[in-house]
């Protein structure tokens, strides 16, 4: 069975714009997905990236055009300046880690629900009530927001270390079991093609 390791941040607008396309691609190829939320600012620090507030004005101006443009292309609601961004990504990331371990729901829907809450619904994804609502909407026990804290606190930093060791430098970032790497929601078609080629 094909496998995809998906490294992302719950604060990433580009991960939000990926929507549920990864899940559709994985289903088409019978591939499993391992969701690996990480601290994107720490990843930038480790791999030479620059967080948005520290970027050159030209890059920020381009970002302000490109994100809404991509959202329109995909037919997705999008707020370039969400009310609660940046915020603490740990609570939502811990919930995703706990949900994936617990099973019983739809992890992809949970991830997208959290990202949508930030980038389209002006909700603070660091808030317990928001995280619980996203868990419940994706078919998980909302109590995972509390019971998964210990597991999340262990795996979240481990995901960062793994990402750095495997050449990840941004989000969303997809790695196949053949070590083919794809950075960005606009590379999902290439991921799809690589999985099809590997299956031949």
Protein backbone atom coordinates (compact mmCIF):
# COMPACT_ATOMS: atom_id res chain seq x y z
CA UNK A 1 0.00 0.00 0.00
CA UNK A 2 1.24 3.48 -0.88
CA UNK A 3 1.82 5.87 2.00
CA UNK A 4 2.03 9.64 2.39
CA UNK A 5 3.53 11.52 5.32
CA UNK A 6 1.84 14.89 5.51
CA UNK A 7 3.70 17.65 7.37
CA UNK A 8 1.70 20.83 7.96
CA UNK A 9 0.82 23.61 10.36
CA UNK A 10 -2.68 24.39 11.56
CA UNK A 11 -1.72 28.05 11.00
CA UNK A 12 -0.85 27.62 7.32
CA UNK A 13 -3.15 29.31 4.78
CA UNK A 14 -1.72 27.08 2.07
CA UNK A 15 -2.61 23.96 4.07
CA UNK A 16 -6.14 25.35 4.29
CA UNK A 17 -6.25 25.87 0.53
CA UNK A 18 -5.30 22.22 0.03
CA UNK A 19 -8.83 21.47 1.19
CA UNK A 20 -9.60 17.76 1.09
CA UNK A 21 -7.70 17.11 -2.14
CA UNK A 22 -5.01 15.04 -0.38
CA UNK A 23 -7.66 12.72 1.00
CA UNK A 24 -9.25 12.29 -2.44
CA UNK A 25 -5.87 11.50 -4.00
CA UNK A 26 -5.00 9.04 -1.24
CA UNK A 27 -8.36 7.28 -1.66
CA UNK A 28 -7.90 7.00 -5.43
CA UNK A 29 -4.54 5.27 -4.95
CA UNK A 30 -5.40 3.27 -1.85
CA UNK A 31 -2.73 5.22 0.04
CA UNK A 32 -2.56 5.74 3.79
CA UNK A 33 -1.84 9.18 5.23
CA UNK A 34 0.04 10.00 8.41
CA UNK A 35 -0.82 13.52 9.59
CA UNK A 36 2.13 15.29 11.19
CA UNK A 37 1.31 18.77 12.52
CA UNK A 38 4.35 20.80 13.49
CA UNK A 39 5.54 24.19 14.71
CA UNK A 40 6.00 26.11 11.45
CA UNK A 41 7.91 29.02 13.02
CA UNK A 42 10.40 26.61 14.58
CA UNK A 43 10.68 24.85 11.22
CA UNK A 44 11.52 28.15 9.51
CA UNK A 45 14.17 28.83 12.15
CA UNK A 46 15.73 25.42 11.55
CA UNK A 47 15.62 25.44 7.74
CA UNK A 48 16.29 29.02 6.68
CA UNK A 49 12.72 30.19 6.22
CA UNK A 50 11.26 33.55 7.20
CA UNK A 51 7.92 33.96 8.99
CA UNK A 52 5.50 36.39 7.29
CA UNK A 53 6.00 39.31 9.72
CA UNK A 54 9.73 39.35 8.91
CA UNK A 55 9.45 39.03 5.13
CA UNK A 56 10.35 41.74 2.64
CA UNK A 57 7.41 43.97 1.64
CA UNK A 58 7.55 42.64 -1.93
CA UNK A 59 6.98 39.10 -0.67
CA UNK A 60 4.14 40.24 1.57
CA UNK A 61 2.49 42.12 -1.29
CA UNK A 62 2.68 39.03 -3.48
CA UNK A 63 1.26 36.87 -0.67
CA UNK A 64 -1.65 39.32 -0.32
CA UNK A 65 -2.47 38.83 -4.00
CA UNK A 66 -1.73 35.12 -4.34
CA UNK A 67 -3.69 33.75 -1.39
CA UNK A 68 -7.05 35.32 -2.36
CA UNK A 69 -6.35 34.46 -6.00
CA UNK A 70 -5.83 30.79 -5.16
CA UNK A 71 -8.91 30.79 -2.92
CA UNK A 72 -11.05 32.18 -5.77
CA UNK A 73 -9.61 29.61 -8.17
CA UNK A 74 -10.56 26.83 -5.74
CA UNK A 75 -13.95 28.32 -4.86
CA UNK A 76 -13.05 28.53 -1.17
CA UNK A 77 -14.02 31.15 1.40
CA UNK A 78 -10.90 32.93 2.61
CA UNK A 79 -9.96 35.80 4.92
CA UNK A 80 -6.48 37.19 4.25
CA UNK A 81 -6.35 38.76 7.72
CA UNK A 82 -8.14 36.39 10.11
CA UNK A 83 -9.16 37.77 13.47
CA UNK A 84 -7.14 35.16 15.39
CA UNK A 85 -3.90 34.75 13.50
CA UNK A 86 -1.27 34.03 14.46
CA UNK A 87 -2.37 32.10 17.51
CA UNK A 88 -1.10 29.15 19.53
CA UNK A 89 -1.10 26.15 17.17
CA UNK A 90 -0.35 23.60 19.89
CA UNK A 91 -3.92 22.87 21.13
CA UNK A 92 -5.28 22.13 17.65
CA UNK A 93 -2.16 20.16 16.73
CA UNK A 94 -2.39 18.06 19.90
CA UNK A 95 -6.04 17.32 19.13
CA UNK A 96 -5.15 16.10 15.63
CA UNK A 97 -2.40 13.88 17.02
CA UNK A 98 -4.74 12.43 19.66
CA UNK A 99 -7.55 11.89 17.14
CA UNK A 100 -5.27 10.09 14.72
CA UNK A 101 -4.13 7.78 17.51
CA UNK A 102 -7.65 7.21 18.84
CA UNK A 103 -9.30 6.57 15.49
CA UNK A 104 -13.03 6.40 14.91
CA UNK A 105 -13.41 9.64 13.00
CA UNK A 106 -12.16 11.41 9.88
CA UNK A 107 -8.72 12.93 10.50
CA UNK A 108 -8.67 14.71 7.15
CA UNK A 109 -11.99 16.37 7.93
CA UNK A 110 -10.68 17.37 11.36
CA UNK A 111 -7.56 18.97 9.89
CA UNK A 112 -9.56 20.86 7.29
CA UNK A 113 -12.17 21.87 9.87
CA UNK A 114 -9.51 23.42 12.07
CA UNK A 115 -7.88 25.23 9.16
CA UNK A 116 -11.26 26.46 7.92
CA UNK A 117 -12.10 27.73 11.41
CA UNK A 118 -8.99 29.93 11.27
CA UNK A 119 -8.97 31.06 7.64
CA UNK A 120 -12.66 31.28 6.79
CA UNK A 121 -14.65 31.47 10.03
CA UNK A 122 -12.64 33.92 12.19
CA UNK A 123 -12.36 31.48 15.09
CA UNK A 124 -9.44 31.13 17.49
CA UNK A 125 -8.13 27.58 17.03
CA UNK A 126 -6.28 27.87 20.33
CA UNK A 127 -9.63 28.01 22.13
CA UNK A 128 -10.81 24.77 23.74
CA UNK A 129 -14.40 25.22 22.57
CA UNK A 130 -13.30 25.62 18.94
CA UNK A 131 -11.05 22.55 19.07
CA UNK A 132 -13.80 20.47 20.69
CA UNK A 133 -16.34 21.54 18.07
CA UNK A 134 -13.95 20.56 15.27
CA UNK A 135 -13.31 17.17 16.89
CA UNK A 136 -17.02 16.48 17.24
CA UNK A 137 -17.81 17.60 13.67
CA UNK A 138 -15.20 15.14 12.35
CA UNK A 139 -16.66 12.24 14.34
CA UNK A 140 -14.28 12.23 17.30
CA UNK A 141 -14.85 12.43 21.03
CA UNK A 142 -14.45 16.10 22.00
CA UNK A 143 -12.78 14.95 25.22
CA UNK A 144 -9.69 14.15 23.15
CA UNK A 145 -8.90 17.85 23.47
CA UNK A 146 -8.00 17.09 27.10
CA UNK A 147 -7.02 13.43 27.14
CA UNK A 148 -4.61 13.84 24.22
CA UNK A 149 -2.50 16.57 25.80
CA UNK A 150 0.31 14.29 26.97
CA UNK A 151 0.58 12.38 23.71
CA UNK A 152 0.41 15.59 21.72
CA UNK A 153 3.12 17.23 23.81
CA UNK A 154 5.43 14.31 23.01
CA UNK A 155 4.67 13.86 19.30
CA UNK A 156 4.37 17.53 18.27
CA UNK A 157 8.08 18.33 18.79
CA UNK A 158 9.03 14.90 17.43
CA UNK A 159 7.21 15.79 14.21
CA UNK A 160 9.39 18.88 13.90
CA UNK A 161 12.59 16.87 14.35
CA UNK A 162 11.43 14.32 11.80
CA UNK A 163 10.51 17.06 9.35
CA UNK A 164 13.94 18.68 9.59
CA UNK A 165 15.70 15.33 9.17
CA UNK A 166 13.64 14.51 6.07
CA UNK A 167 14.09 17.75 4.18
CA UNK A 168 10.83 19.49 5.01
CA UNK A 169 11.06 23.30 4.98
CA UNK A 170 7.49 24.56 4.60
CA UNK A 171 3.82 23.63 4.75
CA UNK A 172 1.97 21.83 3.40
CA UNK A 173 4.64 19.25 2.61
CA UNK A 174 3.98 15.72 1.36
CA UNK A 175 6.46 12.83 1.27
CA UNK A 176 5.71 9.49 -0.39
CA UNK A 177 7.13 6.17 0.74
CA UNK A 178 9.51 6.48 -2.21
CA UNK A 179 10.87 9.74 -0.68
CA UNK A 180 9.34 11.90 -3.38
CA UNK A 181 8.77 15.33 -1.81
CA UNK A 182 6.10 17.86 -2.72
CA UNK A 183 5.84 21.34 -1.21
CA UNK A 184 2.64 23.33 -1.47
CA UNK A 185 -1.03 22.82 -2.20
CA UNK A 186 -0.27 23.59 -5.84
CA UNK A 187 1.83 20.40 -6.07
CA UNK A 188 -0.98 18.01 -5.25
CA UNK A 189 -1.46 17.15 -8.93
CA UNK A 190 2.20 16.17 -9.05
CA UNK A 191 1.75 14.00 -5.97
CA UNK A 192 -1.20 12.35 -7.67
CA UNK A 193 0.90 11.66 -10.77
CA UNK A 194 3.79 10.26 -8.73
CA UNK A 195 1.52 7.83 -6.93
CA UNK A 196 0.04 6.70 -10.24
CA UNK A 197 3.51 6.18 -11.70
CA UNK A 198 4.70 4.25 -8.65
CA UNK A 199 1.74 1.90 -8.96
CA UNK A 200 2.60 0.89 -12.53
